[in-house]
Amino acid sequence: MTPDKTDSTLSPRQMMSKPGKSGLARLLAATRYSWQGFRAAWLHEAAFRLEVTLALAFVPLAFIIGQTLSHQIALIITCALVILAEVINTAIESIIDRIGTERDPLSGQAKDLGSAAVFVTLVLFLLVWTASFWHYFHAP
């Protein structure tokens, strides 16, 4: 008999463990699930497609604009953060839409918060890249 996950005698690690794959098989399955998520975002989210397309243009620019390796990495990270926030926002929207289509203040708030996360990363991207372009074209 499988122990009940609500059993207070179980350690936190035991409560979080899932039966099934382990080791390399688990890693391969997780990688497959991640690619399925990227594929779903690409197929169903215009904002995700736009942000990935822009990242494909900006990441090579990071190696031209960036003055040092750490500067280049910072520029690339800002691109990745926008995509990360969009993926999380899309997941939030999918969960809310799965729960129901009726209007609910908490559902709207959750969607707005996901959108705000994307906005924050876009502002960060703009600040870092604008400052980097400014420095690149106006440095003595």
C-alpha atoms as a PDB file:
ATOM      1  CA  MET A   1       0.000   0.000   0.000  1.00  0.00           C
ATOM      2  CA  THR A   2       1.312   3.443  -0.966  1.00  0.00           C
ATOM      3  CA  PRO A   3       1.689   5.873   1.956  1.00  0.00           C
ATOM      4  CA  ASP A   4      -0.788   8.738   2.022  1.00  0.00           C
ATOM      5  CA  LYS A   5       0.955  12.026   1.065  1.00  0.00           C
ATOM      6  CA  THR A   6      -0.891  13.767   3.921  1.00  0.00           C
ATOM      7  CA  ASP A   7       0.620  11.377   6.504  1.00  0.00           C
ATOM      8  CA  SER A   8       2.436  13.559   9.054  1.00  0.00           C
ATOM      9  CA  THR A   9       5.039  10.830   9.651  1.00  0.00           C
ATOM     10  CA  LEU A  10       6.506  11.401   6.196  1.00  0.00           C
ATOM     11  CA  SER A  11       9.429  13.764   5.750  1.00  0.00           C
ATOM     12  CA  PRO A  12       9.016  16.772   3.414  1.00  0.00           C
ATOM     13  CA  ARG A  13      11.223  14.980   0.862  1.00  0.00           C
ATOM     14  CA  GLN A  14       9.017  11.876   0.946  1.00  0.00           C
ATOM     15  CA  MET A  15       5.885  14.002   0.589  1.00  0.00           C
ATOM     16  CA  MET A  16       7.268  15.709  -2.515  1.00  0.00           C
ATOM     17  CA  SER A  17       8.622  12.610  -4.232  1.00  0.00           C
ATOM     18  CA  LYS A  18       6.574  11.227  -7.073  1.00  0.00           C
ATOM     19  CA  PRO A  19       6.456   7.603  -8.052  1.00  0.00           C
ATOM     20  CA  GLY A  20       7.716   6.786 -11.510  1.00  0.00           C
ATOM     21  CA  LYS A  21      10.829   7.603 -13.428  1.00  0.00           C
ATOM     22  CA  SER A  22      14.136   8.448 -11.832  1.00  0.00           C
ATOM     23  CA  GLY A  23      17.626   9.335 -12.938  1.00  0.00           C
ATOM     24  CA  LEU A  24      18.276   9.747 -16.641  1.00  0.00           C
ATOM     25  CA  ALA A  25      14.768   8.609 -17.616  1.00  0.00           C
ATOM     26  CA  ARG A  26      13.289  11.365 -15.452  1.00  0.00           C
ATOM     27  CA  LEU A  27      15.653  13.945 -16.943  1.00  0.00           C
ATOM     28  CA  LEU A  28      14.736  12.896 -20.481  1.00  0.00           C
ATOM     29  CA  ALA A  29      11.021  13.009 -19.676  1.00  0.00           C
ATOM     30  CA  ALA A  30      11.388  16.474 -18.113  1.00  0.00           C
ATOM     31  CA  THR A  31      13.256  17.667 -21.212  1.00  0.00           C
ATOM     32  CA  ARG A  32      10.472  16.321 -23.439  1.00  0.00           C
ATOM     33  CA  TYR A  33       7.837  18.097 -21.314  1.00  0.00           C
ATOM     34  CA  SER A  34       9.807  21.340 -21.565  1.00  0.00           C
ATOM     35  CA  TRP A  35       9.977  21.114 -25.350  1.00  0.00           C
ATOM     36  CA  GLN A  36       6.237  20.412 -25.430  1.00  0.00           C
ATOM     37  CA  GLY A  37       5.747  23.591 -23.407  1.00  0.00           C
ATOM     38  CA  PHE A  38       7.920  25.637 -25.772  1.00  0.00           C
ATOM     39  CA  ARG A  39       6.059  24.172 -28.750  1.00  0.00           C
ATOM     40  CA  ALA A  40       2.671  25.012 -27.208  1.00  0.00           C
ATOM     41  CA  ALA A  41       3.812  28.576 -26.466  1.00  0.00           C
ATOM     42  CA  TRP A  42       5.122  28.967 -30.020  1.00  0.00           C
ATOM     43  CA  LEU A  43       1.922  27.615 -31.582  1.00  0.00           C
ATOM     44  CA  HIS A  44      -0.577  29.457 -29.388  1.00  0.00           C
ATOM     45  CA  GLU A  45       1.064  32.690 -28.173  1.00  0.00           C
ATOM     46  CA  ALA A  46       1.838  35.489 -30.614  1.00  0.00           C
ATOM     47  CA  ALA A  47       3.702  37.424 -27.887  1.00  0.00           C
ATOM     48  CA  PHE A  48       5.991  34.435 -27.276  1.00  0.00           C
ATOM     49  CA  ARG A  49       6.774  34.150 -31.009  1.00  0.00           C
ATOM     50  CA  LEU A  50       7.573  37.869 -31.179  1.00  0.00           C
ATOM     51  CA  GLU A  51       9.807  37.768 -28.090  1.00  0.00           C
ATOM     52  CA  VAL A  52      11.714  34.696 -29.315  1.00  0.00           C
ATOM     53  CA  THR A  53      12.189  36.307 -32.729  1.00  0.00           C
ATOM     54  CA  LEU A  54      13.505  39.492 -31.115  1.00  0.00           C
ATOM     55  CA  ALA A  55      15.821  37.439 -28.880  1.00  0.00           C
ATOM     56  CA  LEU A  56      17.222  35.718 -31.977  1.00  0.00           C
ATOM     57  CA  ALA A  57      18.131  39.175 -33.274  1.00  0.00           C
ATOM     58  CA  PHE A  58      19.362  40.643 -29.982  1.00  0.00           C
ATOM     59  CA  VAL A  59      21.467  37.756 -28.653  1.00  0.00           C
ATOM     60  CA  PRO A  60      24.037  38.026 -31.481  1.00  0.00           C
ATOM     61  CA  LEU A  61      24.042  41.811 -30.936  1.00  0.00           C
ATOM     62  CA  ALA A  62      25.048  41.193 -27.332  1.00  0.00           C
ATOM     63  CA  PHE A  63      28.440  39.979 -28.555  1.00  0.00           C
ATOM     64  CA  ILE A  64      28.921  43.203 -30.526  1.00  0.00           C
ATOM     65  CA  ILE A  65      27.515  45.696 -28.031  1.00  0.00           C
ATOM     66  CA  GLY A  66      28.730  44.025 -24.853  1.00  0.00           C
ATOM     67  CA  GLN A  67      32.084  45.409 -23.679  1.00  0.00           C
ATOM     68  CA  THR A  68      33.022  42.418 -21.516  1.00  0.00           C
ATOM     69  CA  LEU A  69      31.883  38.836 -21.112  1.00  0.00           C
ATOM     70  CA  SER A  70      29.820  39.746 -18.053  1.00  0.00           C
ATOM     71  CA  HIS A  71      28.201  42.611 -19.978  1.00  0.00           C
ATOM     72  CA  GLN A  72      27.353  40.228 -22.837  1.00  0.00           C
ATOM     73  CA  ILE A  73      25.874  37.731 -20.394  1.00  0.00           C
ATOM     74  CA  ALA A  74      23.779  40.474 -18.767  1.00  0.00           C
ATOM     75  CA  LEU A  75      22.386  41.462 -22.163  1.00  0.00           C
ATOM     76  CA  ILE A  76      21.532  37.842 -22.971  1.00  0.00           C
ATOM     77  CA  ILE A  77      19.947  37.332 -19.545  1.00  0.00           C
ATOM     78  CA  THR A  78      17.558  40.235 -20.148  1.00  0.00           C
ATOM     79  CA  CYS A  79      16.403  38.503 -23.349  1.00  0.00           C
ATOM     80  CA  ALA A  80      15.940  35.219 -21.509  1.00  0.00           C
ATOM     81  CA  LEU A  81      14.027  36.880 -18.662  1.00  0.00           C
ATOM     82  CA  VAL A  82      11.429  38.263 -21.073  1.00  0.00           C
ATOM     83  CA  ILE A  83      10.887  34.794 -22.543  1.00  0.00           C
ATOM     84  CA  LEU A  84      10.781  33.232 -19.064  1.00  0.00           C
ATOM     85  CA  ALA A  85       8.172  35.721 -17.868  1.00  0.00           C
ATOM     86  CA  GLU A  86       6.088  35.130 -20.997  1.00  0.00           C
ATOM     87  CA  VAL A  87       6.156  31.359 -20.473  1.00  0.00           C
ATOM     88  CA  ILE A  88       5.058  31.768 -16.839  1.00  0.00           C
ATOM     89  CA  ASN A  89       2.371  34.269 -17.853  1.00  0.00           C
ATOM     90  CA  THR A  90       1.085  31.845 -20.486  1.00  0.00           C
ATOM     91  CA  ALA A  91       0.993  29.051 -17.890  1.00  0.00           C
ATOM     92  CA  ILE A  92      -1.019  31.252 -15.521  1.00  0.00           C
ATOM     93  CA  GLU A  93      -3.458  32.167 -18.287  1.00  0.00           C
ATOM     94  CA  SER A  94      -3.841  28.511 -19.284  1.00  0.00           C
ATOM     95  CA  ILE A  95      -4.608  27.458 -15.718  1.00  0.00           C
ATOM     96  CA  ILE A  96      -7.151  30.247 -15.254  1.00  0.00           C
ATOM     97  CA  ASP A  97      -8.830  29.452 -18.587  1.00  0.00           C
ATOM     98  CA  ARG A  98      -8.911  25.755 -17.663  1.00  0.00           C
ATOM     99  CA  ILE A  99     -10.718  26.531 -14.403  1.00  0.00           C
ATOM    100  CA  GLY A 100     -13.504  28.385 -16.187  1.00  0.00           C
ATOM    101  CA  THR A 101     -14.436  31.142 -18.592  1.00  0.00           C
ATOM    102  CA  GLU A 102     -16.648  33.137 -16.213  1.00  0.00           C
ATOM    103  CA  ARG A 103     -15.282  36.429 -14.959  1.00  0.00           C
ATOM    104  CA  ASP A 104     -13.793  36.254 -11.498  1.00  0.00           C
ATOM    105  CA  PRO A 105     -11.840  39.022  -9.744  1.00  0.00           C
ATOM    106  CA  LEU A 106      -9.098  36.649  -8.555  1.00  0.00           C
ATOM    107  CA  SER A 107      -8.728  35.107 -12.003  1.00  0.00           C
ATOM    108  CA  GLY A 108      -8.417  38.573 -13.503  1.00  0.00           C
ATOM    109  CA  GLN A 109      -5.919  39.557 -10.827  1.00  0.00           C
ATOM    110  CA  ALA A 110      -3.811  36.445 -11.518  1.00  0.00           C
ATOM    111  CA  LYS A 111      -3.754  37.220 -15.245  1.00  0.00           C
ATOM    112  CA  ASP A 112      -2.914  40.869 -14.574  1.00  0.00           C
ATOM    113  CA  LEU A 113      -0.048  39.874 -12.274  1.00  0.00           C
ATOM    114  CA  GLY A 114       1.359  37.561 -14.943  1.00  0.00           C
ATOM    115  CA  SER A 115       1.140  40.390 -17.442  1.00  0.00           C
ATOM    116  CA  ALA A 116       2.844  42.719 -14.975  1.00  0.00           C
ATOM    117  CA  ALA A 117       5.736  40.254 -14.678  1.00  0.00           C
ATOM    118  CA  VAL A 118       6.212  40.373 -18.442  1.00  0.00           C
ATOM    119  CA  PHE A 119       6.049  44.164 -18.349  1.00  0.00           C
ATOM    120  CA  VAL A 120       8.733  44.379 -15.642  1.00  0.00           C
ATOM    121  CA  THR A 121      11.100  42.198 -17.677  1.00  0.00           C
ATOM    122  CA  LEU A 122      10.439  44.250 -20.818  1.00  0.00           C
ATOM    123  CA  VAL A 123      11.258  47.472 -18.942  1.00  0.00           C
ATOM    124  CA  LEU A 124      14.440  45.873 -17.594  1.00  0.00           C
ATOM    125  CA  PHE A 125      15.334  44.760 -21.129  1.00  0.00           C
ATOM    126  CA  LEU A 126      14.776  48.277 -22.481  1.00  0.00           C
ATOM    127  CA  LEU A 127      16.813  49.932 -19.724  1.00  0.00           C
ATOM    128  CA  VAL A 128      19.787  47.587 -20.057  1.00  0.00           C
ATOM    129  CA  TRP A 129      19.833  47.562 -23.848  1.00  0.00           C
ATOM    130  CA  THR A 130      19.256  51.324 -24.184  1.00  0.00           C
ATOM    131  CA  ALA A 131      22.111  52.064 -21.797  1.00  0.00           C
ATOM    132  CA  SER A 132      24.320  49.559 -23.622  1.00  0.00           C
ATOM    133  CA  PHE A 133      23.561  51.038 -27.039  1.00  0.00           C
ATOM    134  CA  TRP A 134      24.122  54.527 -25.664  1.00  0.00           C
ATOM    135  CA  HIS A 135      27.490  53.551 -24.244  1.00  0.00           C
ATOM    136  CA  TYR A 136      28.488  51.682 -27.431  1.00  0.00           C
ATOM    137  CA  PHE A 137      27.717  54.590 -29.767  1.00  0.00           C
ATOM    138  CA  HIS A 138      28.754  57.470 -27.468  1.00  0.00           C
ATOM    139  CA  ALA A 139      31.759  56.102 -25.589  1.00  0.00           C
ATOM    140  CA  PRO A 140      35.019  57.925 -26.292  1.00  0.00           C
END
